[in-house]
Amino acid sequence: MRITVVTPGSFVLERHYYPRVPNARIHPIVRSFLKLGNDRIAQRYSHLHPEAEAEAVRGLLSTPTRYLRWAGADLFHVTDERGVRQNIIIETNSSPSGQKSMPLLDDDDDLGGYRRLIERSFLPMLRRRALPRGRLAVLWDKNEMETTGYAAAIADLTGEDVLLVHLPAGDDAGFRWEGGVLEVEHGGAWVPIRAAFRYVTQRPWTRIPPITRTALLNPVVACLAGGRNKLVAAKAYAAFNQAWAGRGLAVRFPETIQDVTLGEVPGWVAHFGGVAVVKDPYSNAGQGVWTITRPGELSEFMGREHRYQRFVVQGLVGNRGWTSDHKGHRLYHVGTVPDRAGRIFVADLRFTVGQAPEGAYPVAIYARRAREPLAEDLASSPSSWAMLGTNLSVKLPDGRFTTEPERLMLVDERDFGRLGLGLDDLTEAYLQAVMAMHAIDAMASALISAKGAFRERLFATLNPDPALLKEVMR
């Protein structure tokens, strides 16, 4: 563990954004969307979707979540054999990156989205009556550019020194939990933390209990309920869709098979026509995801050593000549606008959403493209991951992470047009992100008893993976 004290007035623009971002001009379409407000967004969405009850849409946007108050949805823009385009949820992240990639909405406000999220989602937590005494902190294990930015923003907006606490996976020294309150060893003493911004992404349940007296944005129960658990997330989406079916709202996501043992993986890949995605449910940053498009890729996956005993198998979104059969439906990547060489790249859209006392609001948007262009046939591409994987994070041999920012696509005047998206696409993506948040938040609420305790038996029923259950802090 390592602690740095961050003082008010220490936010420096160049330290907390990618070099391209400070001088980028936000695209007019994105600017227009961000200024719409939830009332007009709800009205537009209801107009585009007559099957959706307008009151339900407005209510969803104006009702704050309880546990998952900040999340990033990763979406693919897809089409089907009839040419119907839509945005589908690939996963929801409970500690999402995004601020360092978001052009400033107001040139005079260097804090940008850092300010929006801290003011609207973090600071309201500090007004809770039941907070323990103590200091403010940011907990992190990767993404130093953004976590230092959040610490500096919190210091600026509260006028307090903030403890920036590095909690890498596998390092249990220098912190402890006493009666649900986080204490860190600093200055020769144990210092209690009353509230913390959490950017601990690698198996956070090994260092942080599901529910704590120290206020966290976000608590780890949100991770276990789907924010960092693809297996339970799929169950949360399905439950949401069942609950809201009568009102015309649904999370759109690929067909997902849950609770798959290693030996069952080949059969489920065959179920999708030999083209599928296999996922370690609890990994992030592009780790633990295998695109299977040919027998050799399946053999390589089966020959690996795996930490956990359960997997998720999903339908793969591919190209016209090769894609999974999604319950009789075939989905294809729309991809980027062809470049001058005629190449189309797979790109995802990261849509980060915050929750304030008055409901949801957009925080940051960016896109990422794959390394290699989308192939017409699989034989012309030696690696399916190279043309389908979009995450910018790369894990180094020593366990640290680096990024490939050359594949980052900003929502600025230069890049956004290459995505082929319009205002209505952003509206769709925002509603999908909000619905996914509410789905996971409802699952998190179900995992907490009336007395505020984590319901371990229910979680074990939802997620029957002994390896994971042993890791969760009691």
Protein backbone atom coordinates (compact mmCIF):
# COMPACT_ATOMS: atom_id res chain seq x y z
CA MET A 1 0.00 0.00 0.00
CA ARG A 2 1.14 3.54 -0.79
CA ILE A 3 -0.46 6.80 0.39
CA THR A 4 -0.09 10.26 -1.14
CA VAL A 5 -1.67 13.38 0.35
CA VAL A 6 -3.48 15.48 -2.28
CA THR A 7 -4.11 19.09 -1.31
CA PRO A 8 -6.66 21.66 -2.55
CA GLY A 9 -5.50 23.60 -5.57
CA SER A 10 -3.40 20.75 -6.98
CA PHE A 11 -5.53 19.89 -10.05
CA VAL A 12 -3.43 20.40 -13.22
CA LEU A 13 -5.20 19.91 -16.54
CA GLU A 14 -2.32 18.17 -18.33
CA ARG A 15 -1.91 15.52 -15.61
CA HIS A 16 -5.45 14.16 -15.78
CA TYR A 17 -6.29 14.01 -19.49
CA TYR A 18 -4.74 12.29 -22.47
CA PRO A 19 -2.53 14.76 -24.41
CA ARG A 20 -5.07 15.03 -27.27
CA VAL A 21 -7.98 15.95 -25.02
CA PRO A 22 -7.32 19.48 -23.64
CA ASN A 23 -7.26 21.02 -27.13
CA ALA A 24 -10.02 18.83 -28.59
CA ARG A 25 -13.29 20.52 -29.55
CA ILE A 26 -16.34 18.54 -28.48
CA HIS A 27 -18.53 17.58 -31.45
CA PRO A 28 -21.69 19.74 -31.81
CA ILE A 29 -23.95 16.66 -31.77
CA VAL A 30 -22.44 15.48 -28.49
CA ARG A 31 -22.65 18.98 -27.03
CA SER A 32 -26.32 19.19 -28.02
CA PHE A 33 -27.06 15.83 -26.43
CA LEU A 34 -25.33 16.72 -23.16
CA LYS A 35 -27.38 19.90 -22.91
CA LEU A 36 -30.77 18.24 -23.57
CA GLY A 37 -31.59 17.22 -19.99
CA ASN A 38 -33.56 14.17 -18.94
CA ASP A 39 -37.02 15.57 -19.70
CA ARG A 40 -36.27 16.12 -23.37
CA ILE A 41 -34.26 12.90 -23.62
CA ALA A 42 -37.21 10.98 -22.20
CA GLN A 43 -39.57 12.70 -24.62
CA ARG A 44 -37.32 11.86 -27.59
CA TYR A 45 -36.85 8.24 -26.52
CA SER A 46 -40.59 7.76 -26.05
CA HIS A 47 -41.20 9.26 -29.48
CA LEU A 48 -38.71 6.85 -31.06
CA HIS A 49 -40.12 3.90 -29.08
CA PRO A 50 -43.92 3.99 -29.01
CA GLU A 51 -43.87 0.64 -27.18
CA ALA A 52 -42.24 2.34 -24.17
CA GLU A 53 -44.46 4.12 -21.66
CA ALA A 54 -43.41 7.76 -21.50
CA GLU A 55 -44.06 7.87 -17.75
CA ALA A 56 -41.85 4.80 -17.23
CA VAL A 57 -38.98 6.38 -19.16
CA ARG A 58 -39.22 9.63 -17.20
CA GLY A 59 -39.47 7.74 -13.93
CA LEU A 60 -36.41 5.62 -14.70
CA LEU A 61 -34.29 8.68 -15.48
CA SER A 62 -35.45 10.63 -12.42
CA THR A 63 -35.21 7.82 -9.86
CA PRO A 64 -31.72 7.54 -8.34
CA THR A 65 -30.10 4.18 -7.77
CA ARG A 66 -29.04 3.17 -4.26
CA TYR A 67 -25.76 1.29 -4.64
CA LEU A 68 -24.51 1.63 -8.23
CA ARG A 69 -24.30 5.42 -8.51
CA TRP A 70 -21.56 5.63 -11.13
CA ALA A 71 -21.08 3.19 -14.01
CA GLY A 72 -19.77 2.86 -17.54
CA ALA A 73 -21.70 0.86 -20.11
CA ASP A 74 -19.81 -0.63 -23.05
CA LEU A 75 -22.06 -0.83 -26.10
CA PHE A 76 -21.80 -2.13 -29.65
CA HIS A 77 -23.63 -0.42 -32.48
CA VAL A 78 -25.07 -3.32 -34.48
CA THR A 79 -27.44 -4.13 -37.29
CA ASP A 80 -29.31 -7.30 -38.21
CA GLU A 81 -30.29 -9.16 -41.38
CA ARG A 82 -33.20 -6.73 -41.85
CA GLY A 83 -30.99 -3.66 -41.50
CA VAL A 84 -32.44 -2.68 -38.10
CA ARG A 85 -29.76 -0.82 -36.12
CA GLN A 86 -29.51 -0.72 -32.34
CA ASN A 87 -27.10 -0.35 -29.44
CA ILE A 88 -26.55 -3.43 -27.28
CA ILE A 89 -24.92 -3.70 -23.85
CA ILE A 90 -21.75 -5.77 -23.74
CA GLU A 91 -20.95 -5.15 -20.09
CA THR A 92 -21.35 -2.60 -17.30
CA ASN A 93 -18.35 -1.41 -15.30
CA SER A 94 -18.67 -0.21 -11.70
CA SER A 95 -15.32 1.67 -11.74
CA PRO A 96 -15.22 3.00 -15.30
CA SER A 97 -12.55 5.06 -16.98
CA GLY A 98 -13.69 7.98 -19.08
CA GLN A 99 -12.72 11.37 -17.70
CA LYS A 100 -9.24 11.45 -19.23
CA SER A 101 -10.80 10.83 -22.65
CA MET A 102 -13.64 13.37 -22.53
CA PRO A 103 -13.25 16.79 -24.18
CA LEU A 104 -14.24 19.71 -21.99
CA LEU A 105 -17.82 20.88 -22.27
CA ASP A 106 -16.80 24.28 -20.88
CA ASP A 107 -13.34 25.60 -21.81
CA ASP A 108 -13.18 27.61 -18.58
CA ASP A 109 -13.66 24.56 -16.33
CA ASP A 110 -10.55 22.36 -16.29
CA LEU A 111 -12.19 19.89 -13.88
CA GLY A 112 -14.81 19.03 -16.52
CA GLY A 113 -16.43 15.66 -15.85
CA TYR A 114 -14.39 15.21 -12.69
CA ARG A 115 -16.35 18.12 -11.21
CA ARG A 116 -19.71 16.84 -12.47
CA LEU A 117 -19.30 13.39 -10.92
CA ILE A 118 -17.85 14.56 -7.61
CA GLU A 119 -20.37 17.39 -7.12
CA ARG A 120 -23.44 15.41 -8.13
CA SER A 121 -22.68 11.87 -6.90
CA PHE A 122 -19.86 11.92 -4.31
CA LEU A 123 -20.51 15.07 -2.28
CA PRO A 124 -24.15 14.14 -1.51
CA MET A 125 -22.79 11.04 0.31
CA LEU A 126 -20.93 13.31 2.72
CA ARG A 127 -24.21 14.72 4.02
CA ARG A 128 -25.32 11.37 5.46
CA ARG A 129 -25.96 11.49 9.20
CA ALA A 130 -24.58 7.99 9.89
CA LEU A 131 -21.10 8.61 8.47
CA PRO A 132 -18.27 7.73 10.83
CA ARG A 133 -15.67 10.31 11.75
CA GLY A 134 -12.60 10.39 9.57
CA ARG A 135 -10.88 11.70 6.47
CA LEU A 136 -11.64 11.52 2.74
CA ALA A 137 -9.80 9.17 0.41
CA VAL A 138 -9.51 7.84 -3.12
CA LEU A 139 -8.78 4.10 -3.28
CA TRP A 140 -7.17 2.80 -6.47
CA ASP A 141 -5.23 -0.01 -8.09
CA LYS A 142 -4.87 1.20 -11.72
CA ASN A 143 -5.59 4.24 -13.93
CA GLU A 144 -3.38 6.71 -12.03
CA MET A 145 -4.15 9.54 -14.47
CA GLU A 146 -7.84 9.58 -13.52
CA THR A 147 -7.61 8.57 -9.87
CA THR A 148 -5.21 11.41 -9.11
CA GLY A 149 -7.62 13.69 -10.95
CA TYR A 150 -10.51 12.57 -8.77
CA ALA A 151 -8.43 13.08 -5.63
CA ALA A 152 -7.49 16.61 -6.72
CA ALA A 153 -11.11 17.40 -7.64
CA ILE A 154 -12.38 16.19 -4.26
CA ALA A 155 -9.72 18.28 -2.49
CA ASP A 156 -10.67 21.37 -4.51
CA LEU A 157 -14.40 20.96 -3.97
CA THR A 158 -14.26 20.14 -0.24
CA GLY A 159 -11.26 22.21 0.82
CA GLU A 160 -9.84 19.12 2.57
CA ASP A 161 -6.64 17.18 2.07
CA VAL A 162 -7.44 13.83 0.43
CA LEU A 163 -5.55 10.57 0.98
CA LEU A 164 -4.76 8.83 -2.31
CA VAL A 165 -4.47 5.19 -1.24
CA HIS A 166 -2.94 2.63 -3.60
CA LEU A 167 -4.46 -0.82 -2.93
CA PRO A 168 -2.95 -3.24 -5.47
CA ALA A 169 -4.26 -6.80 -5.62
CA GLY A 170 -2.37 -9.13 -3.31
CA ASP A 171 -1.13 -6.40 -0.95
CA ASP A 172 -3.04 -6.57 2.34
CA ALA A 173 -0.67 -4.49 4.48
CA GLY A 174 -1.33 -0.99 5.79
CA PHE A 175 -5.12 -1.02 5.93
CA ARG A 176 -7.84 -2.74 7.95
CA TRP A 177 -11.60 -2.73 8.52
CA GLU A 178 -12.78 -2.01 12.06
CA GLY A 179 -16.55 -2.29 12.54
CA GLY A 180 -17.08 -1.59 8.86
CA VAL A 181 -14.85 1.51 8.90
CA LEU A 182 -11.75 1.61 6.72
CA GLU A 183 -8.56 2.56 8.56
CA VAL A 184 -5.24 3.20 6.81
CA GLU A 185 -1.79 3.37 8.35
CA HIS A 186 -0.49 6.88 7.82
CA GLY A 187 1.95 9.05 9.77
CA GLY A 188 2.54 6.34 12.35
CA ALA A 189 -1.15 6.00 13.26
CA TRP A 190 -4.32 4.29 12.07
CA VAL A 191 -6.44 6.92 10.31
CA PRO A 192 -10.21 6.28 9.85
CA ILE A 193 -11.85 7.08 6.50
CA ARG A 194 -15.39 8.42 6.53
CA ALA A 195 -15.92 8.34 2.73
CA ALA A 196 -13.90 7.21 -0.27
CA PHE A 197 -14.05 7.32 -4.03
CA ARG A 198 -13.26 3.74 -5.09
CA TYR A 199 -11.32 2.88 -8.24
CA VAL A 200 -10.22 -0.58 -7.09
CA THR A 201 -10.95 -2.76 -10.11
CA GLN A 202 -9.02 -6.03 -9.76
CA ARG A 203 -11.10 -8.41 -7.60
CA PRO A 204 -12.08 -5.59 -5.18
CA TRP A 205 -13.99 -8.03 -2.94
CA THR A 206 -10.64 -9.45 -1.78
CA ARG A 207 -9.81 -6.15 -0.03
CA ILE A 208 -13.17 -4.48 0.57
CA PRO A 209 -16.30 -6.03 2.16
CA PRO A 210 -19.57 -5.88 0.18
CA ILE A 211 -21.09 -3.33 2.60
CA THR A 212 -19.17 -0.87 4.80
CA ARG A 213 -19.85 1.99 7.19
CA THR A 214 -17.28 4.02 5.28
CA ALA A 215 -19.30 5.51 2.43
CA LEU A 216 -17.98 4.29 -0.93
CA LEU A 217 -18.65 5.33 -4.48
CA ASN A 218 -19.34 2.51 -5.39
CA PRO A 219 -19.75 -0.13 -2.65
CA VAL A 220 -18.45 -3.57 -3.60
CA VAL A 221 -21.91 -5.12 -3.49
CA ALA A 222 -22.48 -3.24 -6.78
CA CYS A 223 -19.51 -5.14 -8.25
CA LEU A 224 -20.76 -8.54 -7.06
CA ALA A 225 -24.27 -7.77 -8.34
CA GLY A 226 -23.07 -7.20 -11.91
CA GLY A 227 -20.81 -4.16 -12.01
CA ARG A 228 -17.77 -6.45 -12.07
CA ASN A 229 -19.51 -9.77 -12.43
CA LYS A 230 -20.69 -10.62 -15.94
CA LEU A 231 -22.41 -13.79 -14.76
CA VAL A 232 -24.73 -12.08 -12.27
CA ALA A 233 -25.10 -9.07 -14.60
CA ALA A 234 -26.80 -11.27 -17.20
CA LYS A 235 -29.22 -12.47 -14.54
CA ALA A 236 -29.84 -8.89 -13.43
CA TYR A 237 -30.62 -7.80 -17.01
CA ALA A 238 -33.01 -10.71 -17.48
CA ALA A 239 -34.79 -9.89 -14.21
CA PHE A 240 -35.08 -6.22 -15.21
CA ASN A 241 -36.52 -7.15 -18.60
CA GLN A 242 -39.10 -9.41 -17.01
CA ALA A 243 -40.11 -6.74 -14.48
CA TRP A 244 -40.40 -3.95 -17.07
CA ALA A 245 -41.73 -5.94 -20.05
CA GLY A 246 -45.25 -4.60 -19.56
CA ARG A 247 -43.98 -1.02 -19.81
CA GLY A 248 -41.89 -1.46 -22.96
CA LEU A 249 -38.39 -1.16 -21.47
CA ALA A 250 -35.59 -3.72 -21.86
CA VAL A 251 -31.82 -4.03 -21.64
CA ARG A 252 -30.61 -5.31 -25.01
CA PHE A 253 -27.69 -7.72 -24.72
CA PRO A 254 -26.39 -10.78 -26.60
CA GLU A 255 -27.78 -14.21 -25.77
CA THR A 256 -25.84 -15.23 -22.66
CA ILE A 257 -25.37 -18.66 -21.13
CA GLN A 258 -24.45 -18.48 -17.43
CA ASP A 259 -22.84 -20.84 -14.92
CA VAL A 260 -20.91 -22.75 -17.60
CA THR A 261 -18.23 -25.18 -16.40
CA LEU A 262 -15.01 -25.53 -18.39
CA GLY A 263 -16.10 -28.88 -19.78
CA GLU A 264 -19.40 -27.44 -21.01
CA VAL A 265 -17.79 -24.60 -22.99
CA PRO A 266 -17.30 -26.51 -26.30
CA GLY A 267 -20.95 -27.56 -26.35
CA TRP A 268 -22.19 -24.01 -25.88
CA VAL A 269 -19.77 -22.70 -28.52
CA ALA A 270 -21.31 -25.28 -30.87
CA HIS A 271 -24.76 -24.00 -29.83
CA PHE A 272 -23.77 -20.61 -31.30
CA GLY A 273 -22.59 -22.20 -34.55
CA GLY A 274 -18.92 -22.43 -33.56
CA VAL A 275 -18.66 -18.65 -33.21
CA ALA A 276 -18.95 -17.31 -29.65
CA VAL A 277 -17.37 -15.27 -26.85
CA VAL A 278 -16.19 -16.96 -23.65
CA LYS A 279 -15.65 -14.79 -20.59
CA ASP A 280 -14.15 -15.08 -17.15
CA PRO A 281 -17.08 -13.37 -15.40
CA TYR A 282 -14.98 -11.37 -12.93
CA SER A 283 -12.16 -9.89 -15.03
CA ASN A 284 -12.00 -6.42 -16.55
CA ALA A 285 -9.76 -4.17 -18.70
CA GLY A 286 -10.07 -6.56 -21.64
CA GLN A 287 -8.68 -9.48 -19.64
CA GLY A 288 -10.43 -12.84 -19.44
CA VAL A 289 -12.32 -12.50 -22.74
CA TRP A 290 -11.81 -14.98 -25.59
CA THR A 291 -13.36 -14.62 -29.04
CA ILE A 292 -13.86 -18.09 -30.51
CA THR A 293 -14.24 -18.18 -34.29
CA ARG A 294 -12.32 -21.35 -35.24
CA PRO A 295 -11.31 -24.67 -33.64
CA GLY A 296 -7.76 -23.49 -32.86
CA GLU A 297 -9.02 -20.61 -30.71
CA LEU A 298 -11.27 -22.97 -28.77
CA SER A 299 -8.38 -25.40 -28.21
CA GLU A 300 -6.15 -22.56 -26.99
CA PHE A 301 -8.82 -21.50 -24.47
CA MET A 302 -9.40 -25.04 -23.21
CA GLY A 303 -5.66 -25.55 -22.67
CA ARG A 304 -5.26 -22.54 -20.36
CA GLU A 305 -5.18 -22.57 -16.58
CA HIS A 306 -8.18 -20.72 -15.13
CA ARG A 307 -8.61 -19.11 -11.72
CA TYR A 308 -12.37 -19.64 -11.52
CA GLN A 309 -14.71 -22.57 -12.13
CA ARG A 310 -17.61 -20.86 -13.92
CA PHE A 311 -17.72 -19.03 -17.25
CA VAL A 312 -20.12 -17.03 -19.38
CA VAL A 313 -20.63 -17.93 -23.04
CA GLN A 314 -22.21 -15.26 -25.24
CA GLY A 315 -23.23 -14.91 -28.82
CA LEU A 316 -20.50 -13.15 -30.80
CA VAL A 317 -21.24 -10.11 -32.94
CA GLY A 318 -19.28 -10.52 -36.17
CA ASN A 319 -19.59 -9.64 -39.84
CA ARG A 320 -22.03 -10.61 -42.59
CA GLY A 321 -20.30 -13.89 -43.42
CA TRP A 322 -19.60 -14.99 -39.84
CA THR A 323 -21.52 -14.26 -36.70
CA SER A 324 -23.41 -16.11 -34.00
CA ASP A 325 -27.04 -17.09 -34.25
CA HIS A 326 -28.73 -15.04 -31.49
CA LYS A 327 -31.98 -16.95 -30.96
CA GLY A 328 -32.70 -16.97 -34.68
CA HIS A 329 -31.35 -13.44 -35.04
CA ARG A 330 -27.98 -12.56 -36.58
CA LEU A 331 -26.24 -9.37 -35.45
CA TYR A 332 -23.39 -7.63 -37.27
CA HIS A 333 -21.06 -4.80 -36.34
CA VAL A 334 -21.90 -1.49 -37.97
CA GLY A 335 -18.33 -0.41 -37.29
CA THR A 336 -16.63 2.82 -38.25
CA VAL A 337 -17.18 4.77 -41.45
CA PRO A 338 -14.86 3.24 -44.09
CA ASP A 339 -11.48 4.97 -44.26
CA ARG A 340 -9.76 5.91 -47.53
CA ALA A 341 -8.47 2.37 -47.86
CA GLY A 342 -12.03 1.05 -47.52
CA ARG A 343 -11.36 -0.44 -44.09
CA ILE A 344 -14.09 -0.72 -41.44
CA PHE A 345 -13.06 -1.19 -37.79
CA VAL A 346 -15.09 -2.59 -34.92
CA ALA A 347 -15.63 0.13 -32.32
CA ASP A 348 -17.42 0.13 -29.00
CA LEU A 349 -18.94 3.10 -27.20
CA ARG A 350 -18.21 3.71 -23.51
CA PHE A 351 -21.07 5.70 -21.97
CA THR A 352 -20.43 6.73 -18.38
CA VAL A 353 -23.43 7.69 -16.25
CA GLY A 354 -23.70 9.15 -12.76
CA GLN A 355 -26.62 9.15 -10.35
CA ALA A 356 -27.52 12.28 -8.38
CA PRO A 357 -30.35 12.65 -5.82
CA GLU A 358 -32.53 13.84 -8.72
CA GLY A 359 -31.64 10.91 -10.99
CA ALA A 360 -29.27 9.96 -13.81
CA TYR A 361 -27.01 12.24 -15.83
CA PRO A 362 -24.34 11.69 -18.54
CA VAL A 363 -20.73 11.99 -17.36
CA ALA A 364 -18.36 11.01 -20.18
CA ILE A 365 -18.42 9.37 -23.61
CA TYR A 366 -15.66 7.92 -25.75
CA ALA A 367 -15.08 5.09 -28.22
CA ARG A 368 -12.36 2.55 -28.89
CA ARG A 369 -11.57 0.74 -32.11
CA ALA A 370 -9.99 -2.65 -32.68
CA ARG A 371 -6.38 -3.05 -33.83
CA GLU A 372 -7.21 -4.66 -37.18
CA PRO A 373 -10.03 -3.95 -39.67
CA LEU A 374 -13.12 -6.13 -39.80
CA ALA A 375 -12.58 -9.00 -42.25
CA GLU A 376 -15.18 -10.17 -44.76
CA ASP A 377 -14.14 -13.77 -44.11
CA LEU A 378 -12.31 -15.36 -41.19
CA ALA A 379 -9.60 -16.92 -43.37
CA SER A 380 -8.18 -13.47 -44.13
CA SER A 381 -7.61 -12.62 -40.44
CA PRO A 382 -5.09 -14.58 -38.36
CA SER A 383 -6.56 -13.36 -35.03
CA SER A 384 -10.22 -12.74 -34.28
CA TRP A 385 -9.32 -10.76 -31.13
CA ALA A 386 -7.23 -8.31 -33.18
CA MET A 387 -10.32 -7.29 -35.17
CA LEU A 388 -12.92 -7.68 -32.40
CA GLY A 389 -11.18 -6.64 -29.15
CA THR A 390 -11.53 -2.94 -28.42
CA ASN A 391 -10.29 -2.41 -24.84
CA LEU A 392 -7.25 -0.12 -24.69
CA SER A 393 -5.71 -1.71 -21.58
CA VAL A 394 -2.76 -4.06 -22.01
CA LYS A 395 -1.48 -6.14 -19.10
CA LEU A 396 2.32 -6.29 -18.83
CA PRO A 397 4.27 -9.37 -17.69
CA ASP A 398 4.86 -7.78 -14.25
CA GLY A 399 1.12 -7.35 -13.70
CA ARG A 400 1.02 -3.60 -14.35
CA PHE A 401 -1.25 -2.13 -17.04
CA THR A 402 -0.47 0.16 -19.93
CA THR A 403 -2.78 1.52 -22.64
CA GLU A 404 -2.89 1.90 -26.42
CA PRO A 405 -4.31 5.43 -26.74
CA GLU A 406 -3.76 5.45 -30.51
CA ARG A 407 -6.98 3.40 -30.76
CA LEU A 408 -8.95 5.88 -28.65
CA MET A 409 -11.70 7.74 -30.52
CA LEU A 410 -12.80 10.99 -28.89
CA VAL A 411 -16.23 12.53 -29.22
CA ASP A 412 -14.61 15.56 -30.81
CA GLU A 413 -14.94 17.25 -34.18
CA ARG A 414 -12.33 14.94 -35.71
CA ASP A 415 -13.22 11.45 -34.43
CA PHE A 416 -16.93 11.44 -33.70
CA GLY A 417 -17.98 11.61 -37.35
CA ARG A 418 -16.00 8.45 -38.04
CA LEU A 419 -18.31 6.54 -35.68
CA GLY A 420 -21.37 7.17 -37.84
CA LEU A 421 -23.52 8.02 -34.80
CA GLY A 422 -26.16 10.70 -34.37
CA LEU A 423 -28.10 12.28 -31.54
CA ASP A 424 -30.72 9.52 -31.52
CA ASP A 425 -27.97 6.89 -31.21
CA LEU A 426 -26.63 8.71 -28.15
CA THR A 427 -30.15 8.82 -26.72
CA GLU A 428 -30.47 5.05 -27.21
CA ALA A 429 -27.05 4.39 -25.66
CA TYR A 430 -27.82 6.58 -22.65
CA LEU A 431 -31.11 4.80 -21.94
CA GLN A 432 -29.46 1.40 -22.31
CA ALA A 433 -26.75 2.45 -19.85
CA VAL A 434 -29.32 3.75 -17.34
CA MET A 435 -31.44 0.60 -17.63
CA ALA A 436 -28.36 -1.58 -17.08
CA MET A 437 -27.49 0.46 -13.98
CA HIS A 438 -30.98 0.04 -12.55
CA ALA A 439 -30.91 -3.69 -13.30
CA ILE A 440 -27.64 -4.18 -11.40
CA ASP A 441 -28.75 -1.86 -8.60
CA ALA A 442 -31.93 -3.90 -8.13
CA MET A 443 -29.80 -7.04 -7.88
CA ALA A 444 -27.53 -5.33 -5.34
CA SER A 445 -30.57 -4.32 -3.29
CA ALA A 446 -31.77 -7.94 -3.29
CA LEU A 447 -28.38 -9.02 -1.91
CA ILE A 448 -28.73 -6.77 1.16
CA SER A 449 -31.02 -7.82 4.00
CA ALA A 450 -33.44 -5.54 5.82
CA LYS A 451 -30.80 -5.23 8.56
CA GLY A 452 -28.16 -4.09 6.06
CA ALA A 453 -26.20 -7.36 5.94
CA PHE A 454 -24.84 -9.08 2.82
CA ARG A 455 -26.97 -12.11 1.98
CA GLU A 456 -24.22 -14.68 1.40
CA ARG A 457 -26.50 -17.66 0.81
CA LEU A 458 -28.51 -15.87 -1.85
CA PHE A 459 -25.32 -14.75 -3.57
CA ALA A 460 -23.99 -18.33 -3.52
CA THR A 461 -27.21 -19.45 -5.19
CA LEU A 462 -26.95 -16.76 -7.86
CA ASN A 463 -23.21 -17.29 -8.39
CA PRO A 464 -22.32 -20.93 -7.55
CA ASP A 465 -18.57 -20.58 -8.01
CA PRO A 466 -16.63 -21.88 -4.97
CA ALA A 467 -13.40 -20.14 -6.06
CA LEU A 468 -15.12 -16.75 -6.09
CA LEU A 469 -17.03 -17.33 -2.85
CA LYS A 470 -13.78 -17.99 -1.00
CA GLU A 471 -12.45 -14.57 -2.07
CA VAL A 472 -15.35 -12.42 -0.87
CA MET A 473 -14.50 -10.62 2.39
CA ARG A 474 -16.76 -11.29 5.35
